[in-house]
Amino acid sequence: MRGSSNHFSIQNQIYHSFSIIIIAAFVIFLPINLFLGLLVSALLCALAIAFQSILLYQSRYKGRLNLAILVSCLLSNIILCANYFYNSGIAGPTLIISAAILFLLLIVVPKQQMFKWFAINILLASAAVYIEYKFPQLIIGSYTTKANMFVDNLASYIIGIMLLYIGVAYIRASYDKEKQTVNDKALALEKLNYEKDKLFSIISHDLKTPLASIQQYLDLLTQMELDAEERKWLEANLLKATTNSLDLLNNLFAWCKTQMDGCDVNLQNLNLDNALKKPLNIMHHVAQNKKINLNVDIKKDVILIADTNMLQLVIRNLVHNAIKFTPQGGTVNIAANNLGNNCIITISDNGLGMDDIAQNDAFTVKIKSSFGTNNETGTGLGLVLCKEYTQLQNGKIWFTSKKNEGTVFNLEFPTQ
């Protein structure tokens, strides 16, 4: 009833809560007054319930918050003044209820209006007491018995302190919520700072190193006379350094885009074999150059729901990592099968594997870049991207790994 924080401001939510509390309080007062024979007070309670319900509707559904607050302040003071004179004056419960409602009003009204309504309440209460003192005949004694007076005052006191308790509890809850929000933002900022530092580290080290190697290779090619074998060796290393640099840049740009702009996901039914044909052909060449056996076992009829570009990036990173950390003569296997309403893709290798620390940090920016079996470089961002992109496609990713025995990555995507 108070409305969600996605659609209403804090002030809106506080006013809606105030209205609900006031309506509930007068709903309780109404039968008590009827039971005690306080018909005028019961009528005033009914009017308060009706008016506050209308004001809640105006604020909640018509967006007239400022008008609703103003009318609530005016009506509450008018109704309480009337109740003071019709319900035994200072011998009745009006001043107690007036103080409790003032407390709630001060929570609701804009900060710059707090003192004004505080002063108005004091002036009205003082004026009512003074008038009763000077002209006691204006006060209507509504209690038929002494017992009724005690019951009404006790009930009003209990309801009054309940209003105060609810108000204080709401303030505490709002404070705790805001404090938690501030703490969450602080943690998020700390994470962003860490990621920024990680990004600068990547740019300054992991990207600088292969570019420096390329520069050195080019200097050698242009400044020295090389025989065919030496030139071939340099060209091969230049190609490897360029390829590594391009991989670094692709992952770096993709990760930065995800962090800053988010990603547009185009989910559709994909034939897995067709979708992975091009990236796996490239990976076959990479594996052959390193003398690694790359085995692919994907059924022709495997269909899954995914984004083509994201899926290719995930598979390319995982296969590239498997090749990177597998020594010459090793094996990398890629398999895919339907399991119920899901497709399971498995990428396994018999390479270096990961220790416990690397496994714990695998899907975070804490992971450190490491060199492959042929000193291939990386940013450590590949697995972070794999996880983020997999989750954006409603998929799951997990792995098992043993040091010096190999790693198995599993991907699960819906098929319908």
Protein backbone atom coordinates (compact mmCIF):
# COMPACT_ATOMS: atom_id res chain seq x y z
CA MET A 1 0.00 0.00 0.00
CA ARG A 2 2.90 2.38 0.75
CA GLY A 3 4.33 1.73 -2.74
CA SER A 4 7.70 0.40 -3.85
CA SER A 5 10.90 2.43 -3.89
CA ASN A 6 11.04 1.95 -7.67
CA HIS A 7 7.96 4.12 -8.18
CA PHE A 8 7.76 6.38 -5.12
CA SER A 9 10.19 8.67 -3.35
CA ILE A 10 11.07 8.25 0.33
CA GLN A 11 8.75 11.15 1.18
CA ASN A 12 5.87 9.46 -0.66
CA GLN A 13 6.46 6.18 1.16
CA ILE A 14 6.65 7.93 4.55
CA TYR A 15 3.37 9.77 3.92
CA HIS A 16 1.64 6.58 2.79
CA SER A 17 2.87 4.82 5.92
CA PHE A 18 1.70 7.75 8.03
CA SER A 19 -1.75 7.58 6.43
CA ILE A 20 -2.04 3.85 7.05
CA ILE A 21 -1.02 4.29 10.70
CA ILE A 22 -3.52 7.15 11.25
CA ILE A 23 -6.34 5.23 9.58
CA ALA A 24 -5.56 2.14 11.66
CA ALA A 25 -5.45 4.21 14.88
CA PHE A 26 -8.84 5.82 14.26
CA VAL A 27 -10.31 2.46 13.22
CA ILE A 28 -9.35 1.27 16.72
CA PHE A 29 -10.67 4.44 18.37
CA LEU A 30 -14.04 4.25 16.61
CA PRO A 31 -15.48 1.13 18.35
CA ILE A 32 -13.96 2.21 21.68
CA ASN A 33 -15.78 5.55 21.50
CA LEU A 34 -19.02 3.84 20.48
CA PHE A 35 -18.68 1.41 23.37
CA LEU A 36 -18.16 4.29 25.81
CA GLY A 37 -21.09 6.23 24.37
CA LEU A 38 -18.87 9.02 22.98
CA LEU A 39 -20.90 9.53 19.82
CA VAL A 40 -19.33 12.84 18.75
CA SER A 41 -15.83 11.43 19.16
CA ALA A 42 -16.90 8.35 17.20
CA LEU A 43 -18.22 10.59 14.42
CA LEU A 44 -14.94 12.53 14.36
CA CYS A 45 -13.04 9.23 14.11
CA ALA A 46 -15.20 8.18 11.16
CA LEU A 47 -14.57 11.53 9.45
CA ALA A 48 -10.83 11.20 10.08
CA ILE A 49 -10.82 7.70 8.56
CA ALA A 50 -12.76 8.88 5.50
CA PHE A 51 -10.68 12.02 4.90
CA GLN A 52 -7.32 10.30 5.43
CA SER A 53 -8.32 7.47 3.09
CA ILE A 54 -9.17 10.02 0.39
CA LEU A 55 -5.85 11.80 0.93
CA LEU A 56 -3.97 8.50 0.75
CA TYR A 57 -5.68 7.77 -2.56
CA GLN A 58 -4.80 11.25 -3.87
CA SER A 59 -1.14 10.80 -3.02
CA ARG A 60 -0.80 7.12 -3.93
CA TYR A 61 -2.68 7.11 -7.24
CA LYS A 62 -3.01 10.76 -8.31
CA GLY A 63 0.46 11.98 -7.39
CA ARG A 64 -0.78 14.89 -5.26
CA LEU A 65 1.59 14.41 -2.35
CA ASN A 66 2.10 18.04 -1.30
CA LEU A 67 -1.65 18.73 -1.31
CA ALA A 68 -2.32 15.56 0.70
CA ILE A 69 0.29 16.52 3.34
CA LEU A 70 -1.12 20.05 3.68
CA VAL A 71 -4.73 18.88 4.04
CA SER A 72 -3.67 16.13 6.51
CA CYS A 73 -1.99 18.71 8.76
CA LEU A 74 -4.99 21.05 8.62
CA LEU A 75 -7.63 18.35 9.16
CA SER A 76 -5.77 16.65 11.99
CA ASN A 77 -5.55 19.91 13.92
CA ILE A 78 -9.20 20.79 13.22
CA ILE A 79 -10.51 17.35 14.23
CA LEU A 80 -8.38 17.26 17.39
CA CYS A 81 -9.53 20.73 18.41
CA ALA A 82 -13.15 19.72 17.93
CA ASN A 83 -12.58 16.51 19.87
CA TYR A 84 -11.02 18.49 22.74
CA PHE A 85 -14.21 20.52 23.27
CA TYR A 86 -16.61 17.65 22.65
CA ASN A 87 -14.72 15.05 24.67
CA SER A 88 -14.24 16.47 28.18
CA GLY A 89 -11.34 18.85 27.43
CA ILE A 90 -8.25 18.35 29.55
CA ALA A 91 -9.91 15.43 31.33
CA GLY A 92 -10.15 13.61 28.00
CA PRO A 93 -7.43 12.00 25.90
CA THR A 94 -7.15 14.62 23.14
CA LEU A 95 -3.82 16.14 24.22
CA ILE A 96 -2.18 12.70 24.35
CA ILE A 97 -3.41 11.80 20.88
CA SER A 98 -2.51 15.28 19.60
CA ALA A 99 1.11 14.83 20.72
CA ALA A 100 1.36 11.40 19.07
CA ILE A 101 -0.14 12.64 15.79
CA LEU A 102 2.14 15.70 15.84
CA PHE A 103 5.11 13.34 16.09
CA LEU A 104 3.92 11.46 13.00
CA LEU A 105 3.19 14.71 11.14
CA LEU A 106 6.72 15.97 11.80
CA ILE A 107 8.04 12.82 10.13
CA VAL A 108 5.92 13.50 7.05
CA VAL A 109 6.08 17.26 6.44
CA PRO A 110 8.97 18.84 4.51
CA LYS A 111 11.89 19.87 6.70
CA GLN A 112 11.30 23.59 6.19
CA GLN A 113 7.71 23.25 7.49
CA MET A 114 8.46 21.28 10.65
CA PHE A 115 8.77 24.23 13.03
CA LYS A 116 5.64 25.86 11.63
CA TRP A 117 3.40 22.86 12.34
CA PHE A 118 5.13 22.29 15.68
CA ALA A 119 4.33 25.88 16.70
CA ILE A 120 0.76 25.61 15.41
CA ASN A 121 0.15 22.49 17.48
CA ILE A 122 1.48 24.13 20.66
CA LEU A 123 -0.55 27.28 20.07
CA LEU A 124 -3.78 25.36 19.44
CA ALA A 125 -3.28 23.12 22.49
CA SER A 126 -2.42 26.12 24.69
CA ALA A 127 -5.40 28.07 23.36
CA ALA A 128 -7.79 25.16 23.98
CA VAL A 129 -6.56 24.71 27.56
CA TYR A 130 -6.78 28.46 28.22
CA ILE A 131 -10.32 28.64 26.83
CA GLU A 132 -11.36 25.73 29.01
CA TYR A 133 -9.78 27.40 32.03
CA LYS A 134 -11.56 30.70 31.40
CA PHE A 135 -14.80 29.34 29.98
CA PRO A 136 -15.31 25.80 31.36
CA GLN A 137 -18.95 25.86 30.24
CA LEU A 138 -17.75 25.49 26.60
CA ILE A 139 -16.41 21.99 27.33
CA ILE A 140 -18.87 19.14 26.93
CA GLY A 141 -18.43 16.44 29.53
CA SER A 142 -18.98 13.29 27.54
CA TYR A 143 -18.28 10.64 30.16
CA THR A 144 -21.35 9.13 31.79
CA THR A 145 -19.30 7.34 34.43
CA LYS A 146 -15.87 7.67 36.00
CA ALA A 147 -14.99 4.24 34.66
CA ASN A 148 -15.60 5.44 31.09
CA MET A 149 -13.14 8.30 31.59
CA PHE A 150 -10.43 5.95 32.87
CA VAL A 151 -11.00 3.45 30.06
CA ASP A 152 -10.94 6.15 27.38
CA ASN A 153 -7.77 7.78 28.71
CA LEU A 154 -5.98 4.46 29.19
CA ALA A 155 -6.97 3.26 25.72
CA SER A 156 -5.87 6.60 24.23
CA TYR A 157 -2.56 6.40 26.06
CA ILE A 158 -1.93 2.86 24.81
CA ILE A 159 -2.83 3.77 21.24
CA GLY A 160 -0.77 6.98 21.51
CA ILE A 161 2.39 5.19 22.57
CA MET A 162 1.73 2.56 19.89
CA LEU A 163 1.73 5.37 17.32
CA LEU A 164 5.00 6.68 18.79
CA TYR A 165 6.50 3.18 18.76
CA ILE A 166 5.48 2.59 15.15
CA GLY A 167 6.85 5.98 14.15
CA VAL A 168 10.18 5.40 15.90
CA ALA A 169 10.38 1.86 14.52
CA TYR A 170 9.76 3.19 11.02
CA ILE A 171 12.45 5.83 11.42
CA ARG A 172 14.90 3.23 12.73
CA ALA A 173 14.06 0.88 9.89
CA SER A 174 14.48 3.67 7.34
CA TYR A 175 17.77 4.67 8.94
CA ASP A 176 19.05 1.09 8.89
CA LYS A 177 17.95 0.72 5.28
CA GLU A 178 19.70 3.92 4.25
CA LYS A 179 22.79 2.90 6.21
CA GLN A 180 22.82 -0.46 4.44
CA THR A 181 22.39 1.32 1.11
CA VAL A 182 25.36 3.56 1.90
CA ASN A 183 27.43 0.53 2.93
CA ASP A 184 26.45 -1.30 -0.25
CA LYS A 185 27.44 1.73 -2.33
CA ALA A 186 30.74 1.95 -0.47
CA LEU A 187 31.43 -1.72 -1.18
CA ALA A 188 30.43 -1.24 -4.82
CA LEU A 189 32.75 1.78 -5.05
CA GLU A 190 35.55 -0.23 -3.47
CA LYS A 191 34.96 -2.97 -6.03
CA LEU A 192 34.98 -0.43 -8.88
CA ASN A 193 38.24 1.04 -7.58
CA TYR A 194 39.76 -2.41 -7.43
CA GLU A 195 38.58 -3.16 -10.96
CA LYS A 196 39.97 0.18 -12.12
CA ASP A 197 43.34 -0.65 -10.57
CA LYS A 198 43.20 -4.08 -12.18
CA LEU A 199 42.41 -2.49 -15.53
CA PHE A 200 45.36 -0.11 -15.28
CA SER A 201 47.56 -3.02 -14.29
CA ILE A 202 46.44 -4.93 -17.37
CA ILE A 203 47.08 -1.96 -19.64
CA SER A 204 50.47 -1.17 -18.09
CA HIS A 205 51.78 -4.73 -17.90
CA ASP A 206 49.87 -7.43 -19.74
CA LEU A 207 49.28 -5.31 -22.82
CA LYS A 208 52.56 -3.43 -22.73
CA THR A 209 54.68 -6.59 -22.68
CA PRO A 210 53.50 -8.14 -25.98
CA LEU A 211 53.54 -4.74 -27.70
CA ALA A 212 57.14 -4.25 -26.58
CA SER A 213 57.95 -7.70 -28.01
CA ILE A 214 56.37 -6.74 -31.32
CA GLN A 215 58.45 -3.58 -31.40
CA GLN A 216 61.62 -5.54 -30.72
CA TYR A 217 60.83 -8.06 -33.45
CA LEU A 218 60.15 -5.28 -35.94
CA ASP A 219 63.41 -3.54 -34.98
CA LEU A 220 65.31 -6.77 -35.64
CA LEU A 221 63.60 -7.26 -38.99
CA THR A 222 64.43 -3.74 -40.16
CA GLN A 223 67.92 -3.32 -38.71
CA MET A 224 69.57 -6.70 -39.20
CA GLU A 225 70.27 -8.94 -42.12
CA LEU A 226 68.60 -12.25 -41.31
CA ASP A 227 68.77 -15.56 -43.05
CA ALA A 228 65.57 -17.38 -44.03
CA GLU A 229 65.45 -19.53 -40.90
CA GLU A 230 65.97 -16.59 -38.54
CA ARG A 231 63.41 -14.51 -40.41
CA LYS A 232 60.90 -17.37 -40.25
CA TRP A 233 61.45 -17.72 -36.50
CA LEU A 234 61.00 -13.98 -35.93
CA GLU A 235 57.89 -13.84 -38.10
CA ALA A 236 56.34 -16.75 -36.17
CA ASN A 237 57.03 -15.01 -32.86
CA LEU A 238 55.76 -11.73 -34.25
CA LEU A 239 52.53 -13.44 -35.31
CA LYS A 240 52.15 -15.04 -31.86
CA ALA A 241 52.75 -11.73 -30.09
CA THR A 242 50.28 -9.96 -32.37
CA THR A 243 47.66 -12.67 -31.86
CA ASN A 244 48.10 -12.51 -28.09
CA SER A 245 47.80 -8.72 -28.16
CA LEU A 246 44.62 -8.92 -30.22
CA ASP A 247 43.13 -11.46 -27.79
CA LEU A 248 44.03 -9.19 -24.90
CA LEU A 249 42.38 -6.20 -26.57
CA ASN A 250 39.25 -8.11 -27.50
CA ASN A 251 38.72 -9.31 -23.93
CA LEU A 252 39.64 -5.92 -22.52
CA PHE A 253 37.20 -4.03 -24.73
CA ALA A 254 34.43 -6.56 -24.17
CA TRP A 255 34.89 -6.40 -20.39
CA CYS A 256 34.98 -2.58 -20.37
CA LYS A 257 31.81 -2.43 -22.45
CA THR A 258 30.07 -4.83 -20.08
CA GLN A 259 31.07 -2.76 -17.04
CA MET A 260 30.17 0.64 -18.49
CA ASP A 261 27.27 0.13 -20.89
CA GLY A 262 25.90 -3.33 -20.23
CA CYS A 263 25.19 -5.66 -23.11
CA ASP A 264 22.32 -6.17 -25.50
CA VAL A 265 21.48 -9.86 -25.52
CA ASN A 266 19.86 -11.33 -28.63
CA LEU A 267 18.64 -14.75 -27.54
CA GLN A 268 17.51 -17.11 -30.28
CA ASN A 269 17.39 -20.80 -31.16
CA LEU A 270 20.86 -21.78 -32.39
CA ASN A 271 22.22 -24.90 -33.99
CA LEU A 272 25.33 -25.34 -31.85
CA ASP A 273 27.38 -27.06 -34.56
CA ASN A 274 26.75 -24.23 -37.04
CA ALA A 275 27.26 -21.49 -34.46
CA LEU A 276 30.69 -22.82 -33.37
CA LYS A 277 32.01 -23.91 -36.75
CA LYS A 278 33.94 -20.71 -37.48
CA PRO A 279 35.56 -20.12 -34.04
CA LEU A 280 36.45 -23.81 -33.70
CA ASN A 281 38.11 -23.81 -37.12
CA ILE A 282 40.35 -21.01 -35.88
CA MET A 283 41.03 -22.92 -32.66
CA HIS A 284 42.00 -25.99 -34.71
CA HIS A 285 44.80 -23.96 -36.33
CA VAL A 286 45.93 -22.64 -32.95
CA ALA A 287 45.99 -26.18 -31.55
CA GLN A 288 47.88 -27.55 -34.56
CA ASN A 289 50.55 -24.85 -34.25
CA LYS A 290 51.09 -26.00 -30.69
CA LYS A 291 50.86 -29.69 -31.60
CA ILE A 292 47.78 -30.27 -29.45
CA ASN A 293 44.97 -32.65 -30.35
CA LEU A 294 41.65 -30.78 -30.46
CA ASN A 295 38.70 -33.19 -30.51
CA VAL A 296 35.17 -31.92 -31.17
CA ASP A 297 32.13 -34.08 -30.51
CA ILE A 298 29.02 -31.94 -31.12
CA LYS A 299 25.91 -33.60 -32.46
CA LYS A 300 24.48 -32.01 -35.60
CA ASP A 301 21.01 -31.64 -34.06
CA VAL A 302 21.97 -29.92 -30.78
CA ILE A 303 19.82 -26.79 -30.44
CA LEU A 304 20.08 -24.25 -27.62
CA ILE A 305 18.86 -20.75 -26.79
CA ALA A 306 21.76 -18.28 -26.77
CA ASP A 307 23.26 -15.14 -28.28
CA THR A 308 25.56 -16.11 -31.17
CA ASN A 309 28.32 -13.56 -30.53
CA MET A 310 28.33 -14.06 -26.76
CA LEU A 311 28.34 -17.84 -27.09
CA GLN A 312 31.24 -17.72 -29.54
CA LEU A 313 33.24 -15.44 -27.24
CA VAL A 314 32.67 -17.78 -24.28
CA ILE A 315 33.66 -20.90 -26.21
CA ARG A 316 36.63 -19.18 -27.85
CA ASN A 317 37.99 -18.03 -24.47
CA LEU A 318 37.53 -21.42 -22.82
CA VAL A 319 39.08 -23.37 -25.70
CA HIS A 320 41.91 -20.85 -26.01
CA ASN A 321 42.62 -21.22 -22.28
CA ALA A 322 42.57 -25.01 -22.57
CA ILE A 323 45.09 -24.86 -25.42
CA LYS A 324 47.17 -22.24 -23.60
CA PHE A 325 47.61 -24.36 -20.47
CA THR A 326 48.04 -27.72 -22.21
CA PRO A 327 51.57 -28.81 -23.17
CA GLN A 328 52.55 -30.05 -26.62
CA GLY A 329 51.16 -33.47 -27.33
CA GLY A 330 48.25 -32.89 -24.97
CA THR A 331 44.54 -33.14 -25.72
CA VAL A 332 41.60 -30.71 -25.57
CA ASN A 333 38.09 -32.15 -25.90
CA ILE A 334 34.89 -30.29 -26.72
CA ALA A 335 31.58 -32.13 -26.38
CA ALA A 336 27.91 -31.14 -26.28
CA ASN A 337 24.75 -33.07 -25.51
CA ASN A 338 21.12 -32.35 -24.69
CA LEU A 339 20.08 -33.20 -21.15
CA GLY A 340 16.36 -32.71 -20.57
CA ASN A 341 15.52 -29.09 -21.33
CA ASN A 342 19.17 -28.04 -21.27
CA CYS A 343 22.27 -28.32 -23.39
CA ILE A 344 25.54 -29.22 -21.64
CA ILE A 345 28.80 -28.15 -23.29
CA THR A 346 32.01 -29.59 -21.85
CA ILE A 347 35.54 -28.36 -22.57
CA SER A 348 38.26 -30.46 -20.97
CA ASP A 349 42.04 -30.66 -21.15
CA ASN A 350 44.91 -32.58 -19.59
CA GLY A 351 47.02 -29.50 -18.97
CA LEU A 352 48.44 -27.66 -15.98
CA GLY A 353 45.21 -27.36 -13.98
CA MET A 354 44.62 -24.80 -11.23
CA ASP A 355 45.60 -24.67 -7.58
CA ASP A 356 43.05 -23.86 -4.85
CA ILE A 357 43.75 -20.11 -4.87
CA ALA A 358 43.32 -19.85 -8.64
CA GLN A 359 40.08 -21.85 -8.46
CA ASN A 360 38.62 -19.55 -5.80
CA ASP A 361 39.46 -16.44 -7.83
CA ALA A 362 38.73 -17.90 -11.26
CA PHE A 363 35.60 -15.86 -11.99
CA THR A 364 36.74 -12.59 -10.37
CA VAL A 365 39.03 -9.74 -11.37
CA LYS A 366 41.32 -10.90 -8.55
CA ILE A 367 42.63 -13.66 -10.77
CA LYS A 368 46.20 -13.04 -11.85
CA SER A 369 47.34 -13.29 -15.42
CA SER A 370 49.54 -16.30 -15.99
CA PHE A 371 51.72 -17.69 -18.72
CA GLY A 372 50.78 -20.74 -20.72
CA THR A 373 52.98 -23.72 -21.50
CA ASN A 374 54.55 -21.76 -24.39
CA ASN A 375 54.66 -18.49 -22.43
CA GLU A 376 51.38 -17.27 -23.89
CA THR A 377 50.12 -14.20 -22.06
CA GLY A 378 46.62 -13.30 -20.86
CA THR A 379 44.72 -10.67 -18.86
CA GLY A 380 42.89 -12.88 -16.42
CA LEU A 381 39.67 -11.33 -17.74
CA GLY A 382 38.69 -14.22 -20.00
CA LEU A 383 36.94 -16.26 -17.31
CA VAL A 384 35.26 -13.16 -15.87
CA LEU A 385 33.80 -12.48 -19.31
CA CYS A 386 32.78 -16.11 -19.71
CA LYS A 387 30.79 -16.04 -16.48
CA GLU A 388 29.12 -12.69 -17.15
CA TYR A 389 28.21 -13.57 -20.73
CA THR A 390 26.95 -17.02 -19.76
CA GLN A 391 24.68 -15.60 -17.07
CA LEU A 392 23.39 -12.92 -19.46
CA GLN A 393 22.23 -15.78 -21.69
CA ASN A 394 20.43 -17.48 -18.77
CA GLY A 395 23.14 -20.11 -18.64
CA LYS A 396 25.39 -21.59 -15.97
CA ILE A 397 29.13 -22.18 -15.88
CA TRP A 398 31.24 -24.26 -13.49
CA PHE A 399 34.47 -26.23 -13.52
CA THR A 400 36.60 -28.82 -11.81
CA SER A 401 40.37 -28.77 -11.85
CA LYS A 402 43.35 -30.63 -10.44
CA LYS A 403 46.86 -29.27 -10.40
CA ASN A 404 49.02 -30.89 -13.12
CA GLU A 405 46.10 -33.09 -14.23
CA GLY A 406 43.84 -30.76 -16.17
CA THR A 407 40.60 -28.79 -16.07
CA VAL A 408 37.01 -29.44 -17.12
CA PHE A 409 34.65 -26.52 -17.82
CA ASN A 410 30.92 -27.10 -18.11
CA LEU A 411 28.34 -24.79 -19.66
CA GLU A 412 24.59 -25.24 -19.39
CA PHE A 413 22.12 -23.42 -21.64
CA PRO A 414 18.34 -23.80 -21.95
CA THR A 415 17.01 -25.48 -25.07
CA GLN A 416 13.42 -24.25 -24.81
